[in-house]
Amino acid sequence: MGQIKVSSTNFENKKIMNDACPEVYAASILGTQWTLAICSYLVLGKHRFSELRKKIPGITERMLTLKLRELEQQKIVKRTVYAEVPLRVEYELTKIGKDLEPLIRQLETWGKKHKKLMGA
């Protein structure tokens, strides 16, 4: 996974847009297919890592781990570890994460309409 160089013009442009436009800022957080897919399933409630892995076709364990960590750092997802044998870890949306539900539902509706329009 590549990072944008802090000294690049592209980095500066993204920073300026994120600061100036809340919509762009939100899209930069949710803009990947994996992040949106994870949040879409967590809107339904708590899930274990293995459940998310099974529900999201094509995602690798490494990518799921990375995206869950990112979402946790952004305070969108809460990770709860239960001291059991075997260890049980559950992921759920935080309060700010739950605020995404109407947006996710609207994207779902729009996506279905657009797919139909495109004949897919």
PDB file of N, CA and C in Angstrom:
ATOM      1  N   MET A   1       0.828  -1.169   0.000  1.00  0.00           N
ATOM      2  CA  MET A   1       0.000   0.000   0.000  1.00  0.00           C
ATOM      3  C   MET A   1       0.878   1.239   0.000  1.00  0.00           C
ATOM      4  N   GLY A   2       0.695   2.073  -0.982  1.00  0.00           N
ATOM      5  CA  GLY A   2       1.531   3.253  -1.073  1.00  0.00           C
ATOM      6  C   GLY A   2       0.963   4.438  -0.316  1.00  0.00           C
ATOM      7  N   GLN A   3       1.861   5.206   0.217  1.00  0.00           N
ATOM      8  CA  GLN A   3       1.496   6.437   0.895  1.00  0.00           C
ATOM      9  C   GLN A   3       1.876   7.598  -0.014  1.00  0.00           C
ATOM     10  N   ILE A   4       1.120   8.682   0.071  1.00  0.00           N
ATOM     11  CA  ILE A   4       1.453   9.886  -0.689  1.00  0.00           C
ATOM     12  C   ILE A   4       2.545  10.625   0.077  1.00  0.00           C
ATOM     13  N   LYS A   5       3.573  11.068  -0.646  1.00  0.00           N
ATOM     14  CA  LYS A   5       4.651  11.813   0.003  1.00  0.00           C
ATOM     15  C   LYS A   5       4.112  13.124   0.548  1.00  0.00           C
ATOM     16  N   VAL A   6       4.483  13.428   1.785  1.00  0.00           N
ATOM     17  CA  VAL A   6       4.025  14.646   2.448  1.00  0.00           C
ATOM     18  C   VAL A   6       4.469  15.894   1.691  1.00  0.00           C
ATOM     19  N   SER A   7       5.583  15.805   0.997  1.00  0.00           N
ATOM     20  CA  SER A   7       6.116  16.957   0.277  1.00  0.00           C
ATOM     21  C   SER A   7       5.511  17.120  -1.122  1.00  0.00           C
ATOM     22  N   SER A   8       4.612  16.222  -1.535  1.00  0.00           N
ATOM     23  CA  SER A   8       4.084  16.284  -2.899  1.00  0.00           C
ATOM     24  C   SER A   8       2.936  17.284  -3.032  1.00  0.00           C
ATOM     25  N   THR A   9       2.737  17.740  -4.258  1.00  0.00           N
ATOM     26  CA  THR A   9       1.628  18.649  -4.563  1.00  0.00           C
ATOM     27  C   THR A   9       0.299  17.937  -4.356  1.00  0.00           C
ATOM     28  N   ASN A  10       0.246  16.662  -4.708  1.00  0.00           N
ATOM     29  CA  ASN A  10      -0.967  15.870  -4.534  1.00  0.00           C
ATOM     30  C   ASN A  10      -1.385  15.840  -3.059  1.00  0.00           C
ATOM     31  N   PHE A  11      -0.422  15.657  -2.163  1.00  0.00           N
ATOM     32  CA  PHE A  11      -0.699  15.644  -0.723  1.00  0.00           C
ATOM     33  C   PHE A  11      -1.271  16.995  -0.292  1.00  0.00           C
ATOM     34  N   GLU A  12      -0.659  18.064  -0.741  1.00  0.00           N
ATOM     35  CA  GLU A  12      -1.121  19.419  -0.385  1.00  0.00           C
ATOM     36  C   GLU A  12      -2.531  19.674  -0.898  1.00  0.00           C
ATOM     37  N   ASN A  13      -2.793  19.260  -2.145  1.00  0.00           N
ATOM     38  CA  ASN A  13      -4.126  19.443  -2.710  1.00  0.00           C
ATOM     39  C   ASN A  13      -5.179  18.680  -1.924  1.00  0.00           C
ATOM     40  N   LYS A  14      -4.870  17.433  -1.543  1.00  0.00           N
ATOM     41  CA  LYS A  14      -5.813  16.634  -0.755  1.00  0.00           C
ATOM     42  C   LYS A  14      -6.059  17.273   0.604  1.00  0.00           C
ATOM     43  N   LYS A  15      -5.014  17.770   1.219  1.00  0.00           N
ATOM     44  CA  LYS A  15      -5.138  18.406   2.530  1.00  0.00           C
ATOM     45  C   LYS A  15      -6.015  19.650   2.438  1.00  0.00           C
ATOM     46  N   ILE A  16      -5.790  20.460   1.426  1.00  0.00           N
ATOM     47  CA  ILE A  16      -6.582  21.680   1.235  1.00  0.00           C
ATOM     48  C   ILE A  16      -8.054  21.331   1.022  1.00  0.00           C
ATOM     49  N   MET A  17      -8.320  20.340   0.172  1.00  0.00           N
ATOM     50  CA  MET A  17      -9.706  19.938  -0.100  1.00  0.00           C
ATOM     51  C   MET A  17     -10.361  19.352   1.156  1.00  0.00           C
ATOM     52  N   ASN A  18      -9.640  18.522   1.903  1.00  0.00           N
ATOM     53  CA  ASN A  18     -10.182  17.946   3.138  1.00  0.00           C
ATOM     54  C   ASN A  18     -10.521  19.033   4.152  1.00  0.00           C
ATOM     55  N   ASP A  19      -9.685  20.061   4.223  1.00  0.00           N
ATOM     56  CA  ASP A  19      -9.921  21.165   5.158  1.00  0.00           C
ATOM     57  C   ASP A  19     -11.092  22.044   4.707  1.00  0.00           C
ATOM     58  N   ALA A  20     -11.223  22.235   3.408  1.00  0.00           N
ATOM     59  CA  ALA A  20     -12.216  23.174   2.876  1.00  0.00           C
ATOM     60  C   ALA A  20     -13.598  22.560   2.665  1.00  0.00           C
ATOM     61  N   CYS A  21     -13.659  21.258   2.468  1.00  0.00           N
ATOM     62  CA  CYS A  21     -14.917  20.639   2.052  1.00  0.00           C
ATOM     63  C   CYS A  21     -15.215  19.405   2.913  1.00  0.00           C
ATOM     64  N   PRO A  22     -16.199  19.475   3.812  1.00  0.00           N
ATOM     65  CA  PRO A  22     -16.509  18.334   4.671  1.00  0.00           C
ATOM     66  C   PRO A  22     -16.914  17.081   3.885  1.00  0.00           C
ATOM     67  N   GLU A  23     -17.518  17.275   2.706  1.00  0.00           N
ATOM     68  CA  GLU A  23     -17.919  16.125   1.890  1.00  0.00           C
ATOM     69  C   GLU A  23     -16.696  15.366   1.378  1.00  0.00           C
ATOM     70  N   VAL A  24     -15.687  16.104   0.967  1.00  0.00           N
ATOM     71  CA  VAL A  24     -14.446  15.483   0.496  1.00  0.00           C
ATOM     72  C   VAL A  24     -13.748  14.779   1.658  1.00  0.00           C
ATOM     73  N   TYR A  25     -13.744  15.414   2.820  1.00  0.00           N
ATOM     74  CA  TYR A  25     -13.154  14.801   4.021  1.00  0.00           C
ATOM     75  C   TYR A  25     -13.835  13.463   4.321  1.00  0.00           C
ATOM     76  N   ALA A  26     -15.175  13.454   4.312  1.00  0.00           N
ATOM     77  CA  ALA A  26     -15.921  12.216   4.585  1.00  0.00           C
ATOM     78  C   ALA A  26     -15.625  11.157   3.521  1.00  0.00           C
ATOM     79  N   ALA A  27     -15.593  11.573   2.258  1.00  0.00           N
ATOM     80  CA  ALA A  27     -15.316  10.636   1.174  1.00  0.00           C
ATOM     81  C   ALA A  27     -13.902  10.060   1.285  1.00  0.00           C
ATOM     82  N   SER A  28     -12.954  10.852   1.794  1.00  0.00           N
ATOM     83  CA  SER A  28     -11.585  10.351   1.936  1.00  0.00           C
ATOM     84  C   SER A  28     -11.507   9.258   3.006  1.00  0.00           C
ATOM     85  N   ILE A  29     -12.398   9.293   3.970  1.00  0.00           N
ATOM     86  CA  ILE A  29     -12.430   8.253   5.008  1.00  0.00           C
ATOM     87  C   ILE A  29     -13.158   7.017   4.500  1.00  0.00           C
ATOM     88  N   LEU A  30     -14.304   7.207   3.864  1.00  0.00           N
ATOM     89  CA  LEU A  30     -15.147   6.084   3.445  1.00  0.00           C
ATOM     90  C   LEU A  30     -14.930   5.673   1.999  1.00  0.00           C
ATOM     91  N   GLY A  31     -14.011   6.317   1.322  1.00  0.00           N
ATOM     92  CA  GLY A  31     -13.866   6.178  -0.113  1.00  0.00           C
ATOM     93  C   GLY A  31     -13.398   4.846  -0.659  1.00  0.00           C
ATOM     94  N   THR A  32     -12.952   3.933   0.174  1.00  0.00           N
ATOM     95  CA  THR A  32     -12.503   2.647  -0.375  1.00  0.00           C
ATOM     96  C   THR A  32     -13.624   1.630  -0.302  1.00  0.00           C
ATOM     97  N   GLN A  33     -13.612   0.698  -1.228  1.00  0.00           N
ATOM     98  CA  GLN A  33     -14.659  -0.329  -1.242  1.00  0.00           C
ATOM     99  C   GLN A  33     -14.655  -1.141   0.051  1.00  0.00           C
ATOM    100  N   TRP A  34     -13.478  -1.405   0.600  1.00  0.00           N
ATOM    101  CA  TRP A  34     -13.400  -2.230   1.801  1.00  0.00           C
ATOM    102  C   TRP A  34     -13.976  -1.516   3.012  1.00  0.00           C
ATOM    103  N   THR A  35     -13.655  -0.254   3.166  1.00  0.00           N
ATOM    104  CA  THR A  35     -14.146   0.511   4.311  1.00  0.00           C
ATOM    105  C   THR A  35     -15.666   0.582   4.293  1.00  0.00           C
ATOM    106  N   LEU A  36     -16.219   0.874   3.150  1.00  0.00           N
ATOM    107  CA  LEU A  36     -17.669   0.973   3.024  1.00  0.00           C
ATOM    108  C   LEU A  36     -18.333  -0.383   3.250  1.00  0.00           C
ATOM    109  N   ALA A  37     -17.742  -1.446   2.739  1.00  0.00           N
ATOM    110  CA  ALA A  37     -18.297  -2.787   2.938  1.00  0.00           C
ATOM    111  C   ALA A  37     -18.291  -3.165   4.420  1.00  0.00           C
ATOM    112  N   ILE A  38     -17.197  -2.896   5.109  1.00  0.00           N
ATOM    113  CA  ILE A  38     -17.093  -3.201   6.537  1.00  0.00           C
ATOM    114  C   ILE A  38     -18.165  -2.436   7.310  1.00  0.00           C
ATOM    115  N   CYS A  39     -18.279  -1.162   7.051  1.00  0.00           N
ATOM    116  CA  CYS A  39     -19.283  -0.339   7.748  1.00  0.00           C
ATOM    117  C   CYS A  39     -20.701  -0.809   7.425  1.00  0.00           C
ATOM    118  N   SER A  40     -20.930  -1.236   6.183  1.00  0.00           N
ATOM    119  CA  SER A  40     -22.258  -1.721   5.793  1.00  0.00           C
ATOM    120  C   SER A  40     -22.675  -2.938   6.609  1.00  0.00           C
ATOM    121  N   TYR A  41     -21.742  -3.825   6.871  1.00  0.00           N
ATOM    122  CA  TYR A  41     -22.071  -5.004   7.692  1.00  0.00           C
ATOM    123  C   TYR A  41     -22.164  -4.655   9.169  1.00  0.00           C
ATOM    124  N   LEU A  42     -21.327  -3.745   9.630  1.00  0.00           N
ATOM    125  CA  LEU A  42     -21.367  -3.377  11.051  1.00  0.00           C
ATOM    126  C   LEU A  42     -22.602  -2.541  11.400  1.00  0.00           C
ATOM    127  N   VAL A  43     -23.238  -1.925  10.404  1.00  0.00           N
ATOM    128  CA  VAL A  43     -24.509  -1.233  10.639  1.00  0.00           C
ATOM    129  C   VAL A  43     -25.542  -2.244  11.163  1.00  0.00           C
ATOM    130  N   LEU A  44     -25.406  -3.495  10.756  1.00  0.00           N
ATOM    131  CA  LEU A  44     -26.345  -4.545  11.168  1.00  0.00           C
ATOM    132  C   LEU A  44     -26.104  -5.014  12.595  1.00  0.00           C
ATOM    133  N   GLY A  45     -24.960  -4.676  13.178  1.00  0.00           N
ATOM    134  CA  GLY A  45     -24.639  -5.062  14.549  1.00  0.00           C
ATOM    135  C   GLY A  45     -23.209  -5.559  14.679  1.00  0.00           C
ATOM    136  N   LYS A  46     -22.899  -6.065  15.879  1.00  0.00           N
ATOM    137  CA  LYS A  46     -21.546  -6.564  16.167  1.00  0.00           C
ATOM    138  C   LYS A  46     -21.210  -7.760  15.286  1.00  0.00           C
ATOM    139  N   HIS A  47     -19.939  -7.821  14.896  1.00  0.00           N
ATOM    140  CA  HIS A  47     -19.446  -8.962  14.116  1.00  0.00           C
ATOM    141  C   HIS A  47     -18.050  -9.332  14.592  1.00  0.00           C
ATOM    142  N   ARG A  48     -17.769 -10.600  14.516  1.00  0.00           N
ATOM    143  CA  ARG A  48     -16.418 -11.076  14.769  1.00  0.00           C
ATOM    144  C   ARG A  48     -15.620 -10.963  13.475  1.00  0.00           C
ATOM    145  N   PHE A  49     -14.306 -10.977  13.610  1.00  0.00           N
ATOM    146  CA  PHE A  49     -13.411 -10.857  12.462  1.00  0.00           C
ATOM    147  C   PHE A  49     -13.755 -11.910  11.403  1.00  0.00           C
ATOM    148  N   SER A  50     -13.900 -13.160  11.837  1.00  0.00           N
ATOM    149  CA  SER A  50     -14.159 -14.253  10.889  1.00  0.00           C
ATOM    150  C   SER A  50     -15.496 -14.075  10.165  1.00  0.00           C
ATOM    151  N   GLU A  51     -16.487 -13.501  10.844  1.00  0.00           N
ATOM    152  CA  GLU A  51     -17.783 -13.251  10.205  1.00  0.00           C
ATOM    153  C   GLU A  51     -17.639 -12.201   9.107  1.00  0.00           C
ATOM    154  N   LEU A  52     -16.904 -11.138   9.412  1.00  0.00           N
ATOM    155  CA  LEU A  52     -16.678 -10.091   8.406  1.00  0.00           C
ATOM    156  C   LEU A  52     -15.918 -10.654   7.220  1.00  0.00           C
ATOM    157  N   ARG A  53     -14.925 -11.456   7.488  1.00  0.00           N
ATOM    158  CA  ARG A  53     -14.096 -12.056   6.432  1.00  0.00           C
ATOM    159  C   ARG A  53     -14.948 -12.892   5.485  1.00  0.00           C
ATOM    160  N   LYS A  54     -15.895 -13.649   6.045  1.00  0.00           N
ATOM    161  CA  LYS A  54     -16.772 -14.496   5.223  1.00  0.00           C
ATOM    162  C   LYS A  54     -17.771 -13.672   4.410  1.00  0.00           C
ATOM    163  N   LYS A  55     -18.224 -12.571   4.969  1.00  0.00           N
ATOM    164  CA  LYS A  55     -19.260 -11.776   4.316  1.00  0.00           C
ATOM    165  C   LYS A  55     -18.725 -10.855   3.223  1.00  0.00           C
ATOM    166  N   ILE A  56     -17.441 -10.529   3.280  1.00  0.00           N
ATOM    167  CA  ILE A  56     -16.875  -9.594   2.300  1.00  0.00           C
ATOM    168  C   ILE A  56     -16.007 -10.380   1.312  1.00  0.00           C
ATOM    169  N   PRO A  57     -16.564 -10.718   0.163  1.00  0.00           N
ATOM    170  CA  PRO A  57     -15.821 -11.533  -0.800  1.00  0.00           C
ATOM    171  C   PRO A  57     -14.598 -10.788  -1.345  1.00  0.00           C
ATOM    172  N   GLY A  58     -13.493 -11.502  -1.411  1.00  0.00           N
ATOM    173  CA  GLY A  58     -12.293 -10.941  -2.020  1.00  0.00           C
ATOM    174  C   GLY A  58     -11.359 -10.214  -1.067  1.00  0.00           C
ATOM    175  N   ILE A  59     -11.791  -9.911   0.141  1.00  0.00           N
ATOM    176  CA  ILE A  59     -10.910  -9.195   1.067  1.00  0.00           C
ATOM    177  C   ILE A  59      -9.956 -10.196   1.715  1.00  0.00           C
ATOM    178  N   THR A  60      -8.705  -9.800   1.820  1.00  0.00           N
ATOM    179  CA  THR A  60      -7.730 -10.661   2.482  1.00  0.00           C
ATOM    180  C   THR A  60      -7.747 -10.380   3.983  1.00  0.00           C
ATOM    181  N   GLU A  61      -7.208 -11.310   4.751  1.00  0.00           N
ATOM    182  CA  GLU A  61      -7.134 -11.109   6.201  1.00  0.00           C
ATOM    183  C   GLU A  61      -6.307  -9.868   6.522  1.00  0.00           C
ATOM    184  N   ARG A  62      -5.233  -9.685   5.800  1.00  0.00           N
ATOM    185  CA  ARG A  62      -4.366  -8.523   6.032  1.00  0.00           C
ATOM    186  C   ARG A  62      -5.106  -7.217   5.771  1.00  0.00           C
ATOM    187  N   MET A  63      -5.832  -7.148   4.646  1.00  0.00           N
ATOM    188  CA  MET A  63      -6.565  -5.929   4.313  1.00  0.00           C
ATOM    189  C   MET A  63      -7.674  -5.669   5.330  1.00  0.00           C
ATOM    190  N   LEU A  64      -8.379  -6.709   5.748  1.00  0.00           N
ATOM    191  CA  LEU A  64      -9.429  -6.543   6.743  1.00  0.00           C
ATOM    192  C   LEU A  64      -8.846  -6.034   8.058  1.00  0.00           C
ATOM    193  N   THR A  65      -7.726  -6.589   8.455  1.00  0.00           N
ATOM    194  CA  THR A  65      -7.048  -6.140   9.675  1.00  0.00           C
ATOM    195  C   THR A  65      -6.661  -4.673   9.566  1.00  0.00           C
ATOM    196  N   LEU A  66      -6.047  -4.287   8.441  1.00  0.00           N
ATOM    197  CA  LEU A  66      -5.622  -2.901   8.238  1.00  0.00           C
ATOM    198  C   LEU A  66      -6.806  -1.936   8.266  1.00  0.00           C
ATOM    199  N   LYS A  67      -7.872  -2.290   7.571  1.00  0.00           N
ATOM    200  CA  LYS A  67      -9.034  -1.405   7.502  1.00  0.00           C
ATOM    201  C   LYS A  67      -9.728  -1.297   8.855  1.00  0.00           C
ATOM    202  N   LEU A  68      -9.822  -2.405   9.590  1.00  0.00           N
ATOM    203  CA  LEU A  68     -10.429  -2.346  10.925  1.00  0.00           C
ATOM    204  C   LEU A  68      -9.599  -1.470  11.859  1.00  0.00           C
ATOM    205  N   ARG A  69      -8.280  -1.572  11.760  1.00  0.00           N
ATOM    206  CA  ARG A  69      -7.398  -0.721  12.576  1.00  0.00           C
ATOM    207  C   ARG A  69      -7.575   0.754  12.224  1.00  0.00           C
ATOM    208  N   GLU A  70      -7.652   1.047  10.922  1.00  0.00           N
ATOM    209  CA  GLU A  70      -7.876   2.431  10.484  1.00  0.00           C
ATOM    210  C   GLU A  70      -9.191   2.965  11.030  1.00  0.00           C
ATOM    211  N   LEU A  71     -10.246   2.166  10.899  1.00  0.00           N
ATOM    212  CA  LEU A  71     -11.562   2.593  11.374  1.00  0.00           C
ATOM    213  C   LEU A  71     -11.580   2.762  12.891  1.00  0.00           C
ATOM    214  N   GLU A  72     -10.800   1.953  13.570  1.00  0.00           N
ATOM    215  CA  GLU A  72     -10.695   2.079  15.026  1.00  0.00           C
ATOM    216  C   GLU A  72      -9.958   3.384  15.386  1.00  0.00           C
ATOM    217  N   GLN A  73      -8.892   3.681  14.671  1.00  0.00           N
ATOM    218  CA  GLN A  73      -8.148   4.925  14.905  1.00  0.00           C
ATOM    219  C   GLN A  73      -8.999   6.152  14.610  1.00  0.00           C
ATOM    220  N   GLN A  74      -9.883   6.029  13.639  1.00  0.00           N
ATOM    221  CA  GLN A  74     -10.757   7.144  13.269  1.00  0.00           C
ATOM    222  C   GLN A  74     -12.005   7.209  14.152  1.00  0.00           C
ATOM    223  N   LYS A  75     -12.064   6.326  15.137  1.00  0.00           N
ATOM    224  CA  LYS A  75     -13.161   6.274  16.110  1.00  0.00           C
ATOM    225  C   LYS A  75     -14.511   5.960  15.472  1.00  0.00           C
ATOM    226  N   ILE A  76     -14.479   5.198  14.379  1.00  0.00           N
ATOM    227  CA  ILE A  76     -15.699   4.773  13.701  1.00  0.00           C
ATOM    228  C   ILE A  76     -16.083   3.371  14.165  1.00  0.00           C
ATOM    229  N   VAL A  77     -15.085   2.572  14.482  1.00  0.00           N
ATOM    230  CA  VAL A  77     -15.302   1.192  14.932  1.00  0.00           C
ATOM    231  C   VAL A  77     -14.703   1.006  16.313  1.00  0.00           C
ATOM    232  N   LYS A  78     -15.411   0.234  17.130  1.00  0.00           N
ATOM    233  CA  LYS A  78     -14.938  -0.125  18.464  1.00  0.00           C
ATOM    234  C   LYS A  78     -14.600  -1.616  18.461  1.00  0.00           C
ATOM    235  N   ARG A  79     -13.444  -1.934  18.999  1.00  0.00           N
ATOM    236  CA  ARG A  79     -12.972  -3.324  19.090  1.00  0.00           C
ATOM    237  C   ARG A  79     -13.064  -3.746  20.547  1.00  0.00           C
ATOM    238  N   THR A  80     -13.758  -4.857  20.796  1.00  0.00           N
ATOM    239  CA  THR A  80     -13.893  -5.373  22.156  1.00  0.00           C
ATOM    240  C   THR A  80     -13.281  -6.765  22.212  1.00  0.00           C
ATOM    241  N   VAL A  81     -12.346  -6.944  23.141  1.00  0.00           N
ATOM    242  CA  VAL A  81     -11.675  -8.235  23.328  1.00  0.00           C
ATOM    243  C   VAL A  81     -12.235  -8.870  24.597  1.00  0.00           C
ATOM    244  N   TYR A  82     -12.681 -10.108  24.478  1.00  0.00           N
ATOM    245  CA  TYR A  82     -13.204 -10.848  25.613  1.00  0.00           C
ATOM    246  C   TYR A  82     -12.158 -11.865  26.059  1.00  0.00           C
ATOM    247  N   ALA A  83     -11.861 -11.870  27.344  1.00  0.00           N
ATOM    248  CA  ALA A  83     -10.848 -12.769  27.903  1.00  0.00           C
ATOM    249  C   ALA A  83     -11.434 -14.166  28.044  1.00  0.00           C
ATOM    250  N   GLU A  84     -11.509 -14.854  26.935  1.00  0.00           N
ATOM    251  CA  GLU A  84     -12.020 -16.220  26.891  1.00  0.00           C
ATOM    252  C   GLU A  84     -11.001 -17.088  26.173  1.00  0.00           C
ATOM    253  N   VAL A  85     -11.177 -18.362  26.295  1.00  0.00           N
ATOM    254  CA  VAL A  85     -10.346 -19.293  25.537  1.00  0.00           C
ATOM    255  C   VAL A  85     -11.274 -20.090  24.638  1.00  0.00           C
ATOM    256  N   PRO A  86     -11.148 -19.975  23.317  1.00  0.00           N
ATOM    257  CA  PRO A  86     -10.228 -19.090  22.609  1.00  0.00           C
ATOM    258  C   PRO A  86     -10.676 -17.626  22.720  1.00  0.00           C
ATOM    259  N   LEU A  87      -9.718 -16.743  22.487  1.00  0.00           N
ATOM    260  CA  LEU A  87      -9.953 -15.308  22.568  1.00  0.00           C
ATOM    261  C   LEU A  87     -11.075 -14.904  21.609  1.00  0.00           C
ATOM    262  N   ARG A  88     -11.984 -14.065  22.080  1.00  0.00           N
ATOM    263  CA  ARG A  88     -13.083 -13.589  21.233  1.00  0.00           C
ATOM    264  C   ARG A  88     -12.957 -12.080  21.079  1.00  0.00           C
ATOM    265  N   VAL A  89     -13.000 -11.622  19.825  1.00  0.00           N
ATOM    266  CA  VAL A  89     -12.908 -10.199  19.516  1.00  0.00           C
ATOM    267  C   VAL A  89     -14.119  -9.829  18.663  1.00  0.00           C
ATOM    268  N   GLU A  90     -14.807  -8.761  19.063  1.00  0.00           N
ATOM    269  CA  GLU A  90     -15.958  -8.288  18.300  1.00  0.00           C
ATOM    270  C   GLU A  90     -15.741  -6.840  17.886  1.00  0.00           C
ATOM    271  N   TYR A  91     -16.297  -6.515  16.737  1.00  0.00           N
ATOM    272  CA  TYR A  91     -16.218  -5.162  16.207  1.00  0.00           C
ATOM    273  C   TYR A  91     -17.635  -4.619  16.074  1.00  0.00           C
ATOM    274  N   GLU A  92     -17.791  -3.340  16.419  1.00  0.00           N
ATOM    275  CA  GLU A  92     -19.082  -2.680  16.266  1.00  0.00           C
ATOM    276  C   GLU A  92     -18.845  -1.206  15.967  1.00  0.00           C
ATOM    277  N   LEU A  93     -19.871  -0.569  15.433  1.00  0.00           N
ATOM    278  CA  LEU A  93     -19.758   0.852  15.148  1.00  0.00           C
ATOM    279  C   LEU A  93     -19.874   1.660  16.435  1.00  0.00           C
ATOM    280  N   THR A  94     -19.128   2.731  16.506  1.00  0.00           N
ATOM    281  CA  THR A  94     -19.237   3.672  17.613  1.00  0.00           C
ATOM    282  C   THR A  94     -20.453   4.565  17.332  1.00  0.00           C
ATOM    283  N   LYS A  95     -20.694   5.515  18.213  1.00  0.00           N
ATOM    284  CA  LYS A  95     -21.826   6.424  18.007  1.00  0.00           C
ATOM    285  C   LYS A  95     -21.672   7.179  16.686  1.00  0.00           C
ATOM    286  N   ILE A  96     -20.498   7.727  16.424  1.00  0.00           N
ATOM    287  CA  ILE A  96     -20.284   8.455  15.168  1.00  0.00           C
ATOM    288  C   ILE A  96     -20.352   7.496  13.976  1.00  0.00           C
ATOM    289  N   GLY A  97     -19.945   6.257  14.177  1.00  0.00           N
ATOM    290  CA  GLY A  97     -20.051   5.249  13.124  1.00  0.00           C
ATOM    291  C   GLY A  97     -21.499   4.912  12.804  1.00  0.00           C
ATOM    292  N   LYS A  98     -22.332   4.851  13.843  1.00  0.00           N
ATOM    293  CA  LYS A  98     -23.758   4.548  13.643  1.00  0.00           C
ATOM    294  C   LYS A  98     -24.461   5.669  12.890  1.00  0.00           C
ATOM    295  N   ASP A  99     -23.913   6.871  12.971  1.00  0.00           N
ATOM    296  CA  ASP A  99     -24.479   7.989  12.221  1.00  0.00           C
ATOM    297  C   ASP A  99     -24.352   7.782  10.713  1.00  0.00           C
ATOM    298  N   LEU A 100     -23.536   6.827  10.285  1.00  0.00           N
ATOM    299  CA  LEU A 100     -23.369   6.524   8.862  1.00  0.00           C
ATOM    300  C   LEU A 100     -24.533   5.729   8.284  1.00  0.00           C
ATOM    301  N   GLU A 101     -25.364   5.139   9.143  1.00  0.00           N
ATOM    302  CA  GLU A 101     -26.420   4.248   8.651  1.00  0.00           C
ATOM    303  C   GLU A 101     -27.300   4.872   7.567  1.00  0.00           C
ATOM    304  N   PRO A 102     -27.865   6.086   7.776  1.00  0.00           N
ATOM    305  CA  PRO A 102     -28.707   6.638   6.708  1.00  0.00           C
ATOM    306  C   PRO A 102     -27.934   6.858   5.404  1.00  0.00           C
ATOM    307  N   LEU A 103     -26.679   7.263   5.524  1.00  0.00           N
ATOM    308  CA  LEU A 103     -25.845   7.473   4.344  1.00  0.00           C
ATOM    309  C   LEU A 103     -25.611   6.148   3.607  1.00  0.00           C
ATOM    310  N   ILE A 104     -25.320   5.110   4.353  1.00  0.00           N
ATOM    311  CA  ILE A 104     -25.085   3.790   3.749  1.00  0.00           C
ATOM    312  C   ILE A 104     -26.351   3.286   3.074  1.00  0.00           C
ATOM    313  N   ARG A 105     -27.493   3.480   3.710  1.00  0.00           N
ATOM    314  CA  ARG A 105     -28.777   3.057   3.119  1.00  0.00           C
ATOM    315  C   ARG A 105     -29.049   3.831   1.822  1.00  0.00           C
ATOM    316  N   GLN A 106     -28.761   5.140   1.833  1.00  0.00           N
ATOM    317  CA  GLN A 106     -28.962   5.951   0.620  1.00  0.00           C
ATOM    318  C   GLN A 106     -28.031   5.502  -0.502  1.00  0.00           C
ATOM    319  N   LEU A 107     -26.785   5.194  -0.153  1.00  0.00           N
ATOM    320  CA  LEU A 107     -25.847   4.697  -1.167  1.00  0.00           C
ATOM    321  C   LEU A 107     -26.321   3.367  -1.741  1.00  0.00           C
ATOM    322  N   GLU A 108     -26.879   2.516  -0.897  1.00  0.00           N
ATOM    323  CA  GLU A 108     -27.414   1.225  -1.347  1.00  0.00           C
ATOM    324  C   GLU A 108     -28.547   1.450  -2.349  1.00  0.00           C
ATOM    325  N   THR A 109     -29.480   2.323  -1.999  1.00  0.00           N
ATOM    326  CA  THR A 109     -30.614   2.621  -2.872  1.00  0.00           C
ATOM    327  C   THR A 109     -30.136   3.226  -4.187  1.00  0.00           C
ATOM    328  N   TRP A 110     -29.232   4.199  -4.101  1.00  0.00           N
ATOM    329  CA  TRP A 110     -28.711   4.836  -5.304  1.00  0.00           C
ATOM    330  C   TRP A 110     -27.973   3.818  -6.174  1.00  0.00           C
ATOM    331  N   GLY A 111     -27.148   2.963  -5.536  1.00  0.00           N
ATOM    332  CA  GLY A 111     -26.395   1.962  -6.280  1.00  0.00           C
ATOM    333  C   GLY A 111     -27.295   1.002  -7.043  1.00  0.00           C
ATOM    334  N   LYS A 112     -28.395   0.576  -6.419  1.00  0.00           N
ATOM    335  CA  LYS A 112     -29.355  -0.318  -7.097  1.00  0.00           C
ATOM    336  C   LYS A 112     -29.987   0.374  -8.296  1.00  0.00           C
ATOM    337  N   LYS A 113     -30.382   1.651  -8.111  1.00  0.00           N
ATOM    338  CA  LYS A 113     -31.003   2.406  -9.212  1.00  0.00           C
ATOM    339  C   LYS A 113     -30.019   2.579 -10.366  1.00  0.00           C
ATOM    340  N   HIS A 114     -28.775   2.917 -10.027  1.00  0.00           N
ATOM    341  CA  HIS A 114     -27.788   3.158 -11.076  1.00  0.00           C
ATOM    342  C   HIS A 114     -27.436   1.869 -11.812  1.00  0.00           C
ATOM    343  N   LYS A 115     -27.315   0.765 -11.086  1.00  0.00           N
ATOM    344  CA  LYS A 115     -27.035  -0.520 -11.744  1.00  0.00           C
ATOM    345  C   LYS A 115     -28.150  -0.862 -12.738  1.00  0.00           C
ATOM    346  N   LYS A 116     -29.391  -0.612 -12.302  1.00  0.00           N
ATOM    347  CA  LYS A 116     -30.539  -0.894 -13.186  1.00  0.00           C
ATOM    348  C   LYS A 116     -30.481  -0.005 -14.422  1.00  0.00           C
ATOM    349  N   LEU A 117     -30.170   1.270 -14.213  1.00  0.00           N
ATOM    350  CA  LEU A 117     -30.054   2.209 -15.326  1.00  0.00           C
ATOM    351  C   LEU A 117     -28.984   1.758 -16.325  1.00  0.00           C
ATOM    352  N   MET A 118     -27.888   1.232 -15.798  1.00  0.00           N
ATOM    353  CA  MET A 118     -26.766   0.813 -16.629  1.00  0.00           C
ATOM    354  C   MET A 118     -26.966  -0.590 -17.211  1.00  0.00           C
ATOM    355  N   GLY A 119     -28.056  -1.257 -16.826  1.00  0.00           N
ATOM    356  CA  GLY A 119     -28.354  -2.594 -17.343  1.00  0.00           C
ATOM    357  C   GLY A 119     -27.491  -3.670 -16.726  1.00  0.00           C
ATOM    358  N   ALA A 120     -26.953  -3.407 -15.550  1.00  0.00           N
ATOM    359  CA  ALA A 120     -26.084  -4.393 -14.894  1.00  0.00           C
ATOM    360  C   ALA A 120     -26.888  -5.293 -13.988  1.00  0.00           C
TER     361      ALA A 120
END
